[in-house]
Protein backbone atom coordinates (compact mmCIF):
# COMPACT_ATOMS: atom_id res chain seq x y z
CA MET A 1 10.85 -0.65 32.08
CA ILE A 2 10.62 -1.25 28.22
CA PRO A 3 13.60 -3.33 26.90
CA ARG A 4 16.08 -1.65 25.29
CA GLU A 5 18.35 -1.84 22.50
CA PRO A 6 21.23 0.64 23.54
CA SER A 7 22.84 1.66 19.98
CA ASP A 8 21.58 3.51 17.17
CA ASN A 9 20.38 0.84 14.67
CA SER A 10 19.39 3.02 11.56
CA LEU A 11 21.95 0.96 9.42
CA ALA A 12 20.73 -2.28 11.13
CA PHE A 13 17.12 -1.60 10.25
CA LEU A 14 18.25 -0.97 6.71
CA ARG A 15 20.07 -3.73 6.55
CA GLU A 16 17.56 -6.38 7.81
CA GLY A 17 14.41 -4.64 6.72
CA TYR A 18 11.19 -6.53 7.24
CA THR A 19 12.59 -8.84 9.76
CA PHE A 20 14.39 -5.61 12.25
CA VAL A 21 11.66 -5.48 14.68
CA SER A 22 10.58 -9.12 15.08
CA SER A 23 14.13 -10.67 15.14
CA ARG A 24 14.73 -8.48 18.00
CA CYS A 25 11.38 -9.10 19.85
CA ASP A 26 12.43 -12.78 19.44
CA ARG A 27 15.71 -12.32 21.25
CA LEU A 28 14.48 -10.15 24.06
CA GLY A 29 11.53 -12.19 24.57
CA THR A 30 9.14 -9.46 24.13
CA ASP A 31 6.56 -7.76 21.84
CA LEU A 32 8.13 -4.23 22.35
CA PHE A 33 11.56 -2.71 22.89
CA GLU A 34 13.03 0.89 22.72
CA THR A 35 16.10 1.42 20.42
CA ARG A 36 17.15 5.10 18.29
CA ILE A 37 16.57 5.15 14.71
CA MET A 38 18.24 8.27 13.21
CA MET A 39 19.75 8.92 16.60
CA THR A 40 16.01 9.44 17.62
CA PRO A 41 14.40 7.50 20.58
CA VAL A 42 11.39 5.11 19.20
CA VAL A 43 9.68 1.96 20.69
CA CYS A 44 9.36 -0.94 18.02
CA MET A 45 6.02 -3.08 18.55
CA ARG A 46 4.61 -6.27 17.13
CA GLY A 47 1.37 -8.53 17.46
CA ALA A 48 -2.25 -8.22 17.55
CA GLY A 49 -2.14 -6.52 20.83
CA ALA A 50 0.34 -3.85 19.78
CA ALA A 51 -1.74 -3.27 16.68
CA GLU A 52 -4.97 -2.93 18.84
CA VAL A 53 -3.07 -0.55 21.07
CA PHE A 54 -1.77 1.43 17.92
CA TYR A 55 -5.11 1.72 15.76
CA GLY A 56 -7.53 1.84 18.92
CA GLY A 57 -8.41 4.34 21.34
CA ASP A 58 -7.07 7.48 19.67
CA ARG A 59 -3.74 6.94 21.23
CA PHE A 60 -1.52 7.93 18.55
CA THR A 61 -1.32 10.75 15.92
CA ARG A 62 0.78 10.32 12.49
CA THR A 63 2.03 14.00 13.01
CA GLY A 64 5.98 14.10 13.49
CA ALA A 65 5.58 9.93 12.78
CA LEU A 66 7.39 9.61 9.61
CA PRO A 67 10.74 10.94 8.51
CA LYS A 68 10.13 13.65 6.03
CA SER A 69 11.78 11.48 3.35
CA VAL A 70 9.06 9.04 3.67
CA LEU A 71 6.52 11.44 4.50
CA HIS A 72 6.61 13.74 1.49
CA LEU A 73 6.79 10.79 -1.28
CA LEU A 74 3.92 8.84 0.37
CA GLN A 75 1.51 11.18 1.96
CA ASP A 76 2.71 14.99 2.26
CA GLY A 77 1.96 17.30 4.87
CA GLY A 78 -1.38 18.17 5.53
CA SER A 79 -2.98 15.28 3.86
CA VAL A 80 -5.87 12.58 5.19
CA GLN A 81 -3.13 10.71 7.10
CA ALA A 82 -1.43 13.33 8.68
CA LEU A 83 -4.60 14.57 10.10
CA ASP A 84 -6.35 13.73 13.58
CA GLY A 85 -9.72 13.65 15.28
CA THR A 86 -12.63 15.75 13.67
CA ALA A 87 -10.39 16.93 10.52
CA HIS A 88 -9.40 13.41 9.91
CA HIS A 89 -13.08 11.80 9.86
CA HIS A 90 -14.20 14.44 7.71
CA ARG A 91 -11.33 14.31 5.15
CA LYS A 92 -11.55 10.83 5.19
CA ARG A 93 -15.32 10.40 4.53
CA LEU A 94 -14.44 11.51 1.20
CA PHE A 95 -12.27 8.85 0.41
CA LEU A 96 -14.93 6.18 2.01
CA ASP A 97 -17.34 7.88 -0.32
CA LEU A 98 -15.61 7.88 -3.30
CA LEU A 99 -14.61 3.96 -2.85
CA THR A 100 -18.01 2.73 -2.77
CA PRO A 101 -18.49 -0.97 -4.20
CA ASP A 102 -19.69 0.49 -7.30
CA ALA A 103 -16.98 2.31 -7.72
CA ILE A 104 -14.54 -0.20 -6.96
CA GLY A 105 -16.38 -2.49 -9.74
CA ARG A 106 -15.99 0.24 -11.91
CA MET A 107 -12.37 0.56 -11.34
CA VAL A 108 -12.06 -3.26 -11.76
CA LEU A 109 -13.95 -3.23 -15.23
CA ILE A 110 -11.54 -0.37 -16.63
CA PHE A 111 -8.62 -2.31 -15.28
CA GLY A 112 -9.74 -5.67 -17.09
CA GLN A 113 -10.29 -4.21 -20.54
CA LEU A 114 -6.86 -2.31 -20.45
CA TRP A 115 -5.36 -5.75 -19.08
CA GLN A 116 -7.27 -7.30 -22.26
CA GLU A 117 -6.41 -4.70 -24.80
CA ALA A 118 -2.37 -5.16 -23.98
CA LEU A 119 -2.39 -8.70 -24.53
CA PRO A 120 -1.69 -8.36 -28.09
CA ARG A 121 1.31 -6.00 -27.33
CA TRP A 122 2.50 -8.43 -24.72
CA GLN A 123 2.33 -11.43 -27.15
CA ALA A 124 4.20 -9.69 -30.09
CA ARG A 125 6.92 -8.71 -27.93
CA ARG A 126 7.31 -12.37 -26.67
CA ARG A 127 8.76 -11.44 -23.34
CA ILE A 128 7.75 -8.74 -20.55
CA VAL A 129 8.51 -8.06 -16.93
CA LEU A 130 5.13 -8.03 -15.48
CA HIS A 131 6.01 -5.24 -12.91
CA GLU A 132 6.95 -3.38 -15.46
CA GLU A 133 3.97 -3.55 -17.50
CA LEU A 134 1.90 -3.05 -14.73
CA LEU A 135 2.79 0.39 -13.90
CA PRO A 136 1.41 2.02 -16.83
CA LEU A 137 -1.63 -0.26 -17.04
CA LEU A 138 -2.80 0.79 -13.50
CA THR A 139 -1.57 4.45 -14.15
CA ARG A 140 -4.31 4.82 -16.85
CA THR A 141 -6.56 2.43 -14.67
CA ALA A 142 -6.44 5.22 -11.96
CA ALA A 143 -6.65 8.08 -14.31
CA ILE A 144 -9.47 6.89 -15.86
CA TRP A 145 -11.33 5.90 -12.79
CA ALA A 146 -10.61 9.29 -11.36
CA GLY A 147 -11.60 11.41 -14.63
CA VAL A 148 -8.12 12.92 -15.13
CA PRO A 149 -7.11 12.98 -18.82
CA LEU A 150 -4.00 11.64 -19.81
CA ASN A 151 -2.49 11.61 -23.28
CA ASP A 152 0.50 9.18 -24.21
CA ARG A 153 3.29 11.74 -23.05
CA ASP A 154 1.20 12.12 -19.66
CA LEU A 155 0.89 8.47 -18.95
CA ALA A 156 4.55 8.06 -19.49
CA LEU A 157 5.39 10.91 -17.01
CA ARG A 158 2.98 9.78 -14.37
CA SER A 159 3.80 6.69 -14.30
CA ARG A 160 7.07 7.03 -13.58
CA GLU A 161 6.31 9.85 -10.64
CA LEU A 162 3.57 7.68 -9.35
CA SER A 163 6.04 4.44 -9.21
CA ALA A 164 8.93 6.29 -7.70
CA MET A 165 7.24 7.66 -4.60
CA VAL A 166 6.71 3.85 -3.85
CA GLU A 167 9.85 2.39 -4.80
CA HIS A 168 12.22 5.05 -3.29
CA ALA A 169 10.12 5.51 -0.28
CA GLY A 170 12.32 3.45 1.96
CA SER A 171 15.54 5.02 0.37
CA LEU A 172 17.99 7.48 1.57
CA GLY A 173 20.03 10.24 -0.35
CA PRO A 174 20.11 10.56 -4.14
CA ARG A 175 17.45 7.84 -5.20
CA ASN A 176 15.28 9.78 -2.36
CA TRP A 177 16.05 13.05 -3.65
CA TRP A 178 15.29 11.88 -7.22
CA ALA A 179 11.96 10.53 -6.58
CA ARG A 180 11.06 13.83 -4.61
CA MET A 181 11.91 15.69 -7.33
CA LEU A 182 9.44 13.64 -9.21
CA ARG A 183 6.68 14.18 -6.90
CA ASN A 184 7.26 17.67 -6.66
CA ARG A 185 6.72 17.50 -10.86
CA CYS A 186 3.71 15.40 -10.19
CA GLU A 187 2.02 17.90 -7.68
CA ARG A 188 2.24 20.34 -10.10
CA TRP A 189 0.74 18.54 -13.04
CA ALA A 190 -2.19 17.70 -10.23
CA GLN A 191 -2.69 21.23 -9.27
CA ASP A 192 -3.19 22.24 -12.90
CA ALA A 193 -5.88 19.30 -13.01
CA ILE A 194 -7.63 20.62 -10.04
CA GLY A 195 -7.53 24.27 -11.06
CA ARG A 196 -8.90 23.29 -14.51
CA MET A 197 -11.69 21.20 -12.81
CA ARG A 198 -12.45 24.30 -10.67
CA THR A 199 -12.44 26.76 -13.31
CA ASP A 200 -14.63 24.69 -15.85
CA GLY A 201 -17.23 23.53 -12.90
CA ILE A 202 -18.19 20.51 -11.80
CA GLY A 203 -20.64 18.51 -14.15
CA PRO A 204 -23.65 16.17 -12.57
CA ASP A 205 -21.68 12.77 -12.85
CA VAL A 206 -18.89 13.62 -10.74
CA PRO A 207 -15.67 11.54 -11.19
CA ALA A 208 -13.28 11.55 -8.06
CA ALA A 209 -10.87 13.78 -9.20
CA GLN A 210 -14.07 16.28 -9.60
CA ALA A 211 -15.26 15.57 -6.34
CA LEU A 212 -11.80 16.32 -4.53
CA ALA A 213 -11.81 19.50 -6.39
CA ALA A 214 -15.16 20.54 -5.08
CA HIS A 215 -14.56 19.28 -1.48
CA THR A 216 -15.13 21.56 1.24
CA GLU A 217 -13.33 21.10 4.76
CA SER A 218 -15.54 20.80 7.71
CA ASP A 219 -15.50 24.92 8.49
CA GLY A 220 -17.05 25.01 4.81
CA GLN A 221 -14.09 26.17 2.90
CA PRO A 222 -12.63 24.49 -0.10
CA LEU A 223 -9.44 22.31 0.19
CA PRO A 224 -6.51 24.93 -0.77
CA LEU A 225 -5.18 24.03 -4.22
CA SER A 226 -2.32 22.46 -2.86
CA LEU A 227 -4.23 19.96 -1.01
CA ALA A 228 -6.14 18.84 -3.15
CA ALA A 229 -3.43 18.28 -5.51
CA ILE A 230 -1.73 15.96 -2.79
CA GLU A 231 -5.01 14.20 -2.00
CA LEU A 232 -5.56 13.35 -5.71
CA LEU A 233 -2.14 11.96 -5.80
CA ASN A 234 -3.07 10.07 -2.70
CA LEU A 235 -5.63 8.56 -4.90
CA LEU A 236 -3.88 7.56 -7.64
CA ARG A 237 -0.70 6.70 -6.09
CA PRO A 238 -2.05 3.47 -4.02
CA ILE A 239 -3.63 2.12 -7.07
CA VAL A 240 -0.23 2.20 -9.08
CA ALA A 241 1.47 0.63 -5.73
CA ILE A 242 -1.18 -2.84 -6.31
CA GLY A 243 0.89 -3.81 -9.10
CA ARG A 244 3.18 -5.36 -6.22
CA PHE A 245 0.61 -7.54 -4.77
CA ILE A 246 0.23 -8.41 -8.45
CA VAL A 247 3.76 -9.59 -8.95
CA PHE A 248 3.48 -11.83 -5.64
CA ALA A 249 0.21 -13.21 -6.69
CA ALA A 250 1.72 -14.34 -9.71
CA LEU A 251 4.67 -15.50 -8.34
CA ALA A 252 2.35 -17.72 -5.90
CA LEU A 253 0.47 -19.11 -8.74
CA TYR A 254 3.56 -20.02 -10.52
CA ARG A 255 5.03 -21.99 -7.09
CA TYR A 256 1.79 -23.45 -6.37
CA PRO A 257 0.22 -24.44 -9.71
CA HIS A 258 -2.30 -26.44 -7.96
CA TRP A 259 -3.90 -23.18 -6.63
CA ARG A 260 -3.59 -21.91 -10.18
CA ALA A 261 -5.56 -25.06 -11.47
CA ALA A 262 -8.33 -24.50 -8.81
CA LEU A 263 -8.60 -20.99 -9.59
CA ALA A 264 -9.22 -21.51 -13.09
CA SER A 265 -12.19 -23.52 -12.57
CA GLY A 266 -13.92 -20.92 -10.37
CA ASP A 267 -14.08 -18.24 -7.94
CA GLY A 268 -14.57 -20.21 -4.51
CA ASP A 269 -11.35 -19.71 -3.22
CA LEU A 270 -10.09 -16.30 -5.23
CA GLU A 271 -10.65 -14.04 -2.30
CA PRO A 272 -8.77 -16.44 0.40
CA PHE A 273 -5.94 -16.84 -2.22
CA VAL A 274 -5.62 -13.03 -2.63
CA GLN A 275 -5.66 -12.58 1.27
CA GLU A 276 -2.90 -14.94 1.40
CA VAL A 277 -1.07 -13.49 -0.89
CA ARG A 278 -1.54 -10.03 1.08
CA ARG A 279 -0.75 -11.69 4.06
CA THR A 280 2.63 -13.33 3.03
CA SER A 281 3.64 -10.42 0.70
CA PRO A 282 6.59 -7.75 2.04
CA PHE A 283 4.62 -4.52 1.16
CA PHE A 284 5.50 -1.92 3.92
CA PRO A 285 7.29 -3.46 6.86
CA VAL A 286 6.25 -0.71 9.63
CA VAL A 287 3.74 2.26 10.26
CA GLY A 288 4.71 5.01 12.52
CA GLY A 289 2.86 7.07 15.02
CA ARG A 290 3.63 9.58 18.06
CA THR A 291 1.63 9.14 21.27
CA ARG A 292 -0.98 11.91 21.47
CA GLU A 293 -0.75 11.60 25.84
CA ALA A 294 0.82 9.47 28.19
CA PHE A 295 -0.66 5.91 28.64
CA GLU A 296 0.44 2.25 30.13
CA TRP A 297 0.19 -1.17 28.03
CA GLN A 298 1.67 -4.32 29.53
CA GLY A 299 2.72 -2.91 32.48
CA LYS A 300 4.99 -0.34 30.15
CA GLN A 301 4.83 3.43 30.39
CA PHE A 302 4.72 5.19 27.21
CA ALA A 303 5.19 8.93 27.48
CA GLU A 304 3.29 11.59 25.59
CA SER A 305 5.02 12.40 22.26
CA ARG A 306 6.91 9.03 22.09
CA TRP A 307 7.57 7.62 18.52
CA VAL A 308 6.44 4.31 17.85
CA LEU A 309 6.90 1.86 15.01
CA LEU A 310 4.47 -0.94 14.48
CA ASP A 311 5.70 -3.84 12.70
CA LEU A 312 3.37 -4.67 9.93
CA TYR A 313 5.17 -7.51 8.44
CA GLY A 314 5.84 -9.34 11.80
CA THR A 315 2.25 -9.11 12.69
CA ASN A 316 1.52 -10.74 9.71
CA HIS A 317 3.61 -13.69 10.12
CA ASP A 318 3.21 -13.86 13.86
CA ALA A 319 3.08 -17.66 14.91
CA ARG A 320 0.49 -16.98 17.79
CA HIS A 321 -2.13 -16.13 15.66
CA TRP A 322 -1.12 -17.58 12.17
CA HIS A 323 -0.21 -21.49 11.98
CA GLU A 324 2.77 -22.20 10.19
CA PRO A 325 3.21 -18.45 8.95
CA ALA A 326 5.55 -18.80 6.66
CA ALA A 327 3.32 -21.73 4.60
CA PHE A 328 1.11 -20.36 1.74
CA ARG A 329 -2.02 -21.50 3.03
CA PRO A 330 -5.02 -19.47 1.45
CA GLU A 331 -7.44 -22.24 2.89
CA ARG A 332 -7.13 -20.29 6.49
CA PHE A 333 -9.22 -17.54 5.16
CA ARG A 334 -11.87 -19.53 4.29
CA ASP A 335 -13.60 -19.01 7.80
CA TRP A 336 -11.51 -16.32 8.78
CA PRO A 337 -13.31 -13.66 11.02
CA GLY A 338 -11.98 -10.71 9.91
CA ASP A 339 -9.85 -9.73 12.94
CA PRO A 340 -8.38 -6.29 12.17
CA TYR A 341 -5.52 -6.53 14.43
CA THR A 342 -4.12 -9.80 13.35
CA PHE A 343 -4.03 -9.25 9.65
CA VAL A 344 -2.68 -5.69 8.95
CA PRO A 345 -1.11 -5.61 5.27
CA GLN A 346 -2.13 -2.17 5.00
CA GLY A 347 -2.76 -0.94 8.58
CA GLY A 348 -5.26 -2.31 11.09
CA GLY A 349 -8.33 -1.11 13.02
CA PRO A 350 -11.59 0.18 11.64
CA TYR A 351 -12.06 2.01 8.22
CA GLU A 352 -14.43 4.33 9.65
CA THR A 353 -12.71 6.25 12.05
CA GLY A 354 -9.06 4.97 12.17
CA HIS A 355 -6.11 5.73 9.94
CA ARG A 356 -6.59 1.84 8.47
CA CYS A 357 -5.91 2.42 4.17
CA PRO A 358 -9.54 3.42 3.08
CA GLY A 359 -8.41 1.47 -0.26
CA GLU A 360 -7.87 -1.83 0.90
CA ARG A 361 -11.11 -3.12 -0.38
CA THR A 362 -9.86 -2.09 -3.97
CA THR A 363 -6.70 -3.43 -3.54
CA ILE A 364 -8.50 -6.84 -3.20
CA GLU A 365 -10.73 -6.52 -5.79
CA ILE A 366 -7.72 -5.17 -8.35
CA VAL A 367 -5.81 -8.23 -7.15
CA LYS A 368 -8.82 -10.96 -7.67
CA GLU A 369 -8.90 -9.76 -11.31
CA ALA A 370 -5.50 -9.73 -12.09
CA VAL A 371 -5.58 -13.36 -10.90
CA ARG A 372 -8.40 -13.95 -13.24
CA ARG A 373 -6.93 -12.57 -16.10
CA LEU A 374 -3.76 -14.68 -15.24
CA VAL A 375 -5.49 -18.11 -15.24
CA ARG A 376 -8.18 -17.91 -17.29
CA THR A 377 -7.66 -15.45 -20.35
CA MET A 378 -4.34 -16.10 -21.20
CA THR A 379 -1.22 -18.79 -21.28
CA TYR A 380 2.23 -17.86 -20.75
CA ARG A 381 5.46 -19.30 -19.45
CA VAL A 382 7.95 -18.49 -16.61
CA PRO A 383 11.48 -18.62 -17.80
CA ALA A 384 14.70 -19.23 -15.35
CA GLN A 385 14.94 -16.12 -13.72
CA ASP A 386 16.24 -14.61 -10.37
CA LEU A 387 12.72 -14.58 -7.94
CA THR A 388 14.08 -14.39 -4.98
CA VAL A 389 12.80 -11.43 -2.61
CA SER A 390 15.45 -9.36 -0.60
CA LEU A 391 13.94 -8.31 2.70
CA SER A 392 16.51 -6.02 3.14
CA ARG A 393 14.79 -4.04 0.28
CA MET A 394 11.65 -1.55 1.28
CA PRO A 395 9.61 -1.83 -0.62
CA THR A 396 10.61 -5.29 -2.13
CA LEU A 397 9.66 -7.43 -5.17
CA PRO A 398 11.07 -10.48 -6.88
CA ARG A 399 14.27 -9.61 -8.06
CA SER A 400 13.53 -10.08 -11.81
CA GLY A 401 10.22 -8.19 -11.50
CA PHE A 402 8.57 -11.51 -12.93
CA VAL A 403 9.50 -12.58 -16.26
CA MET A 404 6.57 -13.88 -18.91
CA THR A 405 7.54 -15.09 -22.34
CA ASP A 406 5.25 -16.62 -24.66
CA ILE A 407 2.10 -15.16 -24.12
CA ARG A 408 -0.91 -16.02 -25.68
CA PRO A 409 -4.40 -14.91 -25.21
CA SER A 410 -6.67 -17.80 -24.67
């Protein structure tokens, strides 16, 4: 039998957040246990073995794996992450073709240019909250890269909507309802944008949004307009969410000034630094799935259609795979073999065939560029502020959003 936590743990999950699964695994001496969340039976798992079972062998479907309050904000029905089998592979191929190294390089150039253009504004204001500034900056980056025009009013609306989808995905009640209302408004805008592209025709130099507008499914039929709009948001929203990793990177530069000095002089440890930021930073705590058929793992029986949550944060902090996991040590990634199951900040398993986030490389390159900008193109002070990170807030950030003052180009 799978070890059980007999009571409904909905409130405990909201109260404990990122530590909910691992704290119980530690207490029970196991890598999995059964409980109830929102009155629904669920198996919670952690660790590389659990990640391999979850992402390997096509054992799980994403259908019915997330509460509607989360699904609507982060993916929505019919999106690539909600598909399985041939339909998923075909739709995901579109995203992989859009996020080539050249395309990511273009996005990084756009982001760097917009950051440089923002520096005089930040200098004139004397004090900024980094997370707040990154939201419109990354929204504009995503829109320019994707080929979706945004005027200043559109930028303010889309930035607010896309950030709310991430900020309130883990909330319940009025805040979640408000974010879903903003999501509906953003989807209407996306439908209008895709509809205009289809009416005006697709040019020879096809940006990402136009590729979505022209995409056909495996049966040769074009994506319905509503689905094309959903997938456009699934391109734009994750780029805006990268701002959270950038804030945690800025926090790491502040807390570990020797790394700031090392990175200012060269790129040698830039990627290991960013990877360690991604490993240690709380992003999304868990990912959900439902078993496609019954199977056995570690002598435990999983029934068909069993709801399962994989602990991403706990797997990234598993002491069996990460020596002193709470310590910030980028050097651990210098010779890292690339295991897709021990390191799962944005999911695990293979990119090409599984449900692992196809934009992971985009995240790494954008955060690397942000770190370059922070250590080489500007000076600033970090005043006294509340930089605590609550592990019960999902997704979380330093409480102050990372305040910077006396910004000057260098």
